[in-house]
Every structure is written in structure tokens, then in C-alpha cells.
C-alpha atoms as a PDB file:
ATOM      1  CA  MET A   1       0.000   0.000   0.000  1.00  0.00           C
ATOM      2  CA  SER A   2       1.344   3.433  -0.936  1.00  0.00           C
ATOM      3  CA  ILE A   3       1.638   6.281   1.557  1.00  0.00           C
ATOM      4  CA  PHE A   4       0.762   8.637  -1.280  1.00  0.00           C
ATOM      5  CA  PRO A   5      -2.847   8.999  -2.382  1.00  0.00           C
ATOM      6  CA  GLN A   6      -3.697   7.624  -5.820  1.00  0.00           C
ATOM      7  CA  ASP A   7      -5.898  10.616  -6.642  1.00  0.00           C
ATOM      8  CA  ARG A   8      -3.871  13.326  -8.415  1.00  0.00           C
ATOM      9  CA  ASN A   9      -5.600  16.208  -6.648  1.00  0.00           C
ATOM     10  CA  ALA A  10      -5.238  14.575  -3.224  1.00  0.00           C
ATOM     11  CA  LEU A  11      -1.539  14.095  -3.869  1.00  0.00           C
ATOM     12  CA  ARG A  12      -1.191  17.704  -4.952  1.00  0.00           C
ATOM     13  CA  ARG A  13      -3.079  18.818  -1.830  1.00  0.00           C
ATOM     14  CA  MET A  14      -0.419  17.020   0.232  1.00  0.00           C
ATOM     15  CA  TYR A  15       2.226  19.305  -1.285  1.00  0.00           C
ATOM     16  CA  VAL A  16       0.114  22.403  -0.764  1.00  0.00           C
ATOM     17  CA  GLU A  17      -0.672  21.488   2.838  1.00  0.00           C
ATOM     18  CA  ALA A  18       2.911  20.515   3.720  1.00  0.00           C
ATOM     19  CA  TRP A  19       4.170  23.814   2.319  1.00  0.00           C
ATOM     20  CA  ARG A  20       1.468  25.788   4.176  1.00  0.00           C
ATOM     21  CA  ARG A  21       2.291  24.060   7.460  1.00  0.00           C
ATOM     22  CA  HIS A  22       5.994  24.723   6.910  1.00  0.00           C
ATOM     23  CA  ARG A  23       5.387  28.431   6.176  1.00  0.00           C
ATOM     24  CA  ASP A  24       3.160  28.719   9.248  1.00  0.00           C
ATOM     25  CA  SER A  25       5.827  27.008  11.427  1.00  0.00           C
ATOM     26  CA  LEU A  26       3.389  24.254  12.354  1.00  0.00           C
ATOM     27  CA  PRO A  27       4.537  20.757  13.316  1.00  0.00           C
ATOM     28  CA  LEU A  28       5.068  18.492  10.325  1.00  0.00           C
ATOM     29  CA  GLU A  29       4.654  14.768   9.950  1.00  0.00           C
ATOM     30  CA  PRO A  30       7.841  13.124   8.602  1.00  0.00           C
ATOM     31  CA  LEU A  31       6.478  12.894   5.053  1.00  0.00           C
ATOM     32  CA  GLU A  32       5.331  16.520   5.192  1.00  0.00           C
ATOM     33  CA  ALA A  33       8.835  17.527   6.307  1.00  0.00           C
ATOM     34  CA  HIS A  34      10.354  15.720   3.310  1.00  0.00           C
ATOM     35  CA  ILE A  35       7.913  17.422   0.966  1.00  0.00           C
ATOM     36  CA  ALA A  36       8.546  20.849   2.525  1.00  0.00           C
ATOM     37  CA  ASP A  37      12.316  20.326   2.179  1.00  0.00           C
ATOM     38  CA  VAL A  38      11.936  19.667  -1.542  1.00  0.00           C
ATOM     39  CA  VAL A  39       9.529  22.579  -2.024  1.00  0.00           C
ATOM     40  CA  ALA A  40      11.957  24.900  -0.213  1.00  0.00           C
ATOM     41  CA  LEU A  41      14.579  24.082  -2.859  1.00  0.00           C
ATOM     42  CA  HIS A  42      12.206  25.294  -5.588  1.00  0.00           C
ATOM     43  CA  PRO A  43      11.203  28.919  -4.994  1.00  0.00           C
ATOM     44  CA  GLU A  44       9.819  28.984  -8.524  1.00  0.00           C
ATOM     45  CA  TYR A  45       6.973  26.752  -7.249  1.00  0.00           C
ATOM     46  CA  HIS A  46       6.147  28.631  -4.040  1.00  0.00           C
ATOM     47  CA  ASP A  47       3.520  30.945  -5.554  1.00  0.00           C
ATOM     48  CA  LEU A  48       1.996  28.019  -7.384  1.00  0.00           C
ATOM     49  CA  LEU A  49       1.498  26.112  -4.129  1.00  0.00           C
ATOM     50  CA  GLU A  50       0.235  29.163  -2.301  1.00  0.00           C
ATOM     51  CA  LEU A  51      -2.430  29.715  -4.982  1.00  0.00           C
ATOM     52  CA  ALA A  52      -3.605  26.123  -4.754  1.00  0.00           C
ATOM     53  CA  GLU A  53      -7.068  26.667  -6.220  1.00  0.00           C
ATOM     54  CA  ASN A  54      -5.433  27.373  -9.584  1.00  0.00           C
ATOM     55  CA  THR A  55      -2.964  24.514  -9.242  1.00  0.00           C
ATOM     56  CA  LEU A  56      -4.811  21.359  -8.343  1.00  0.00           C
ATOM     57  CA  GLU A  57      -6.612  20.897 -11.658  1.00  0.00           C
ATOM     58  CA  ARG A  58      -3.945  22.253 -14.000  1.00  0.00           C
ATOM     59  CA  ASP A  59      -2.188  20.126 -16.581  1.00  0.00           C
ATOM     60  CA  TRP A  60       1.359  20.956 -17.621  1.00  0.00           C
ATOM     61  CA  MET A  61       2.087  20.042 -21.218  1.00  0.00           C
ATOM     62  CA  PRO A  62       5.656  18.936 -22.003  1.00  0.00           C
ATOM     63  CA  GLU A  63       4.989  19.466 -25.710  1.00  0.00           C
ATOM     64  CA  GLU A  64       4.474  23.141 -24.847  1.00  0.00           C
ATOM     65  CA  GLY A  65       7.761  23.270 -22.926  1.00  0.00           C
ATOM     66  CA  GLU A  66       6.099  23.084 -19.510  1.00  0.00           C
ATOM     67  CA  THR A  67       7.424  21.140 -16.544  1.00  0.00           C
ATOM     68  CA  ASN A  68       4.938  19.618 -14.140  1.00  0.00           C
ATOM     69  CA  PRO A  69       6.123  20.906 -10.743  1.00  0.00           C
ATOM     70  CA  PHE A  70       4.491  18.026  -8.876  1.00  0.00           C
ATOM     71  CA  LEU A  71       6.212  15.462 -11.067  1.00  0.00           C
ATOM     72  CA  HIS A  72       9.513  17.296 -10.648  1.00  0.00           C
ATOM     73  CA  MET A  73       9.239  17.460  -6.854  1.00  0.00           C
ATOM     74  CA  GLY A  74       7.948  13.881  -6.711  1.00  0.00           C
ATOM     75  CA  MET A  75      11.028  12.700  -8.568  1.00  0.00           C
ATOM     76  CA  HIS A  76      13.221  14.436  -5.980  1.00  0.00           C
ATOM     77  CA  LEU A  77      11.357  12.507  -3.286  1.00  0.00           C
ATOM     78  CA  ALA A  78      11.719   9.261  -5.248  1.00  0.00           C
ATOM     79  CA  ILE A  79      15.485   9.715  -5.625  1.00  0.00           C
ATOM     80  CA  ARG A  80      15.826  10.494  -1.911  1.00  0.00           C
ATOM     81  CA  GLU A  81      13.825   7.391  -0.997  1.00  0.00           C
ATOM     82  CA  GLN A  82      15.893   5.227  -3.354  1.00  0.00           C
ATOM     83  CA  VAL A  83      19.138   6.528  -1.858  1.00  0.00           C
ATOM     84  CA  ALA A  84      17.891   6.142   1.734  1.00  0.00           C
ATOM     85  CA  THR A  85      16.879   2.517   1.126  1.00  0.00           C
ATOM     86  CA  ASN A  86      19.672   1.750  -1.369  1.00  0.00           C
ATOM     87  CA  ARG A  87      17.054   0.405  -3.729  1.00  0.00           C
ATOM     88  CA  PRO A  88      17.964  -0.431  -6.374  1.00  0.00           C
ATOM     89  CA  MET A  89      21.044  -1.909  -4.760  1.00  0.00           C
ATOM     90  CA  GLY A  90      24.040   0.316  -5.423  1.00  0.00           C
ATOM     91  CA  ILE A  91      22.229   3.621  -5.854  1.00  0.00           C
ATOM     92  CA  ALA A  92      23.454   4.963  -2.491  1.00  0.00           C
ATOM     93  CA  ALA A  93      27.091   4.507  -3.557  1.00  0.00           C
ATOM     94  CA  ILE A  94      26.409   6.187  -6.900  1.00  0.00           C
ATOM     95  CA  HIS A  95      24.759   9.090  -5.091  1.00  0.00           C
ATOM     96  CA  ALA A  96      27.716   9.375  -2.687  1.00  0.00           C
ATOM     97  CA  ARG A  97      30.182   9.438  -5.605  1.00  0.00           C
ATOM     98  CA  LEU A  98      28.202  12.122  -7.412  1.00  0.00           C
ATOM     99  CA  LEU A  99      27.818  14.129  -4.222  1.00  0.00           C
ATOM    100  CA  GLU A 100      31.568  14.026  -3.640  1.00  0.00           C
ATOM    101  CA  ARG A 101      32.174  15.210  -7.200  1.00  0.00           C
ATOM    102  CA  MET A 102      29.466  17.893  -7.311  1.00  0.00           C
ATOM    103  CA  GLY A 103      29.397  18.979  -3.671  1.00  0.00           C
ATOM    104  CA  ALA A 104      25.649  19.616  -3.322  1.00  0.00           C
ATOM    105  CA  PRO A 105      22.697  17.200  -3.228  1.00  0.00           C
ATOM    106  CA  HIS A 106      20.221  19.253  -5.284  1.00  0.00           C
ATOM    107  CA  PRO A 107      22.168  19.181  -8.577  1.00  0.00           C
ATOM    108  CA  VAL A 108      23.026  15.526  -7.941  1.00  0.00           C
ATOM    109  CA  GLU A 109      19.331  14.722  -7.635  1.00  0.00           C
ATOM    110  CA  HIS A 110      18.646  16.566 -10.876  1.00  0.00           C
ATOM    111  CA  LEU A 111      21.233  14.469 -12.711  1.00  0.00           C
ATOM    112  CA  MET A 112      19.822  11.286 -11.265  1.00  0.00           C
ATOM    113  CA  MET A 113      16.268  12.379 -12.095  1.00  0.00           C
ATOM    114  CA  GLU A 114      17.202  12.501 -15.782  1.00  0.00           C
ATOM    115  CA  CYS A 115      18.078   8.806 -15.626  1.00  0.00           C
ATOM    116  CA  LEU A 116      14.963   7.977 -13.616  1.00  0.00           C
ATOM    117  CA  GLY A 117      12.749   9.888 -16.045  1.00  0.00           C
ATOM    118  CA  ALA A 118      14.276   8.140 -19.062  1.00  0.00           C
ATOM    119  CA  THR A 119      13.858   4.744 -17.394  1.00  0.00           C
ATOM    120  CA  LEU A 120      10.221   5.419 -16.529  1.00  0.00           C
ATOM    121  CA  TRP A 121       9.474   6.773 -20.004  1.00  0.00           C
ATOM    122  CA  GLU A 122      11.011   3.707 -21.646  1.00  0.00           C
ATOM    123  CA  SER A 123       9.075   1.375 -19.381  1.00  0.00           C
ATOM    124  CA  GLN A 124       5.785   3.117 -20.174  1.00  0.00           C
ATOM    125  CA  ARG A 125       6.560   3.127 -23.876  1.00  0.00           C
ATOM    126  CA  ASN A 126       7.241  -0.614 -23.822  1.00  0.00           C
ATOM    127  CA  GLY A 127       4.446  -1.498 -21.383  1.00  0.00           C
ATOM    128  CA  LEU A 128       6.947  -3.177 -19.051  1.00  0.00           C
ATOM    129  CA  PRO A 129       8.096  -2.580 -15.478  1.00  0.00           C
ATOM    130  CA  PRO A 130      11.096  -0.265 -15.127  1.00  0.00           C
ATOM    131  CA  ASP A 131      14.402  -2.063 -15.687  1.00  0.00           C
ATOM    132  CA  GLU A 132      16.542  -1.486 -12.589  1.00  0.00           C
ATOM    133  CA  ASN A 133      19.690  -2.700 -14.346  1.00  0.00           C
ATOM    134  CA  VAL A 134      19.286  -0.229 -17.207  1.00  0.00           C
ATOM    135  CA  TYR A 135      18.587   2.509 -14.663  1.00  0.00           C
ATOM    136  CA  LEU A 136      21.684   1.678 -12.601  1.00  0.00           C
ATOM    137  CA  GLU A 137      23.881   1.518 -15.696  1.00  0.00           C
ATOM    138  CA  ALA A 138      22.668   4.967 -16.758  1.00  0.00           C
ATOM    139  CA  LEU A 139      23.402   6.290 -13.267  1.00  0.00           C
ATOM    140  CA  LYS A 140      26.900   4.778 -13.316  1.00  0.00           C
ATOM    141  CA  ARG A 141      27.660   6.700 -16.516  1.00  0.00           C
ATOM    142  CA  LEU A 142      27.027  10.045 -14.799  1.00  0.00           C
END
């Protein structure tokens, strides 16, 4: 069972609420704290989350050059979870190597997100589960 809601708007409300609670200095659940940490790294999304009524239903179209902020922030959370659990096996060492080379976690996550996005896109295109080995090999080439 996933800790994230399956409904797109409910998931987006989690981001909005975590950011609101963070801004208001209210106590945060652990997941809310993780979300708020990622949101804090993206000031370009702050207004979007603060004007939630215009955000929850919106679609961002990649073919129009738009980036879905919820997908972007969700991929940060996915990379962090993968590194924390070392799943797939070896990703924590790859992250550590990249962090040593680059010196800051945010740009490292962005590099890794490119590989994750490509792996997920390929899996959707082929109608197959994501290939962890292909993903790890792409990460190793960074």
C-alpha cells in the first residue's frame, strides 16, 4: 500500500498542505517535512502552491515546454527514498560518488532524475516494469 494517495488532486493537496504548514511554522509529519524540504529548494513553485485553487486541476504540457512541478518534486522525493533505502542496490554509492564530485545534493538529484525519467518513459513506452539494471547503468555513466 502506498503512503501517497492515488488521486492526483489529493496528492497535490499534500504538497500544498505541507508547504502551508511549513510556512506557518506548524509541526510536520515526517512525510510533510520531506515534501517541505523539496519545495523549499524550488522557490519557482512557491507561488503556485500558495495559490492552490489554480494549481490542483492544472495540466502541464511537455509538448508546450512546460514542466509539471508536482512530477519534478515527486522525482526528488523518489530519488531520496531510493538513496535512503539503497534500492535499487548500489544507488546509495552512486549518489555518494556524485555528491563528492558535485558537492551539493540538489544538482546531484537533478542528474539522477534525468536517468529515472528516461527509465520510466522507456518502461511506459514498452508497457513493461522499469528495468533497474538499465537505470543503474545509466546512473553509473554520470
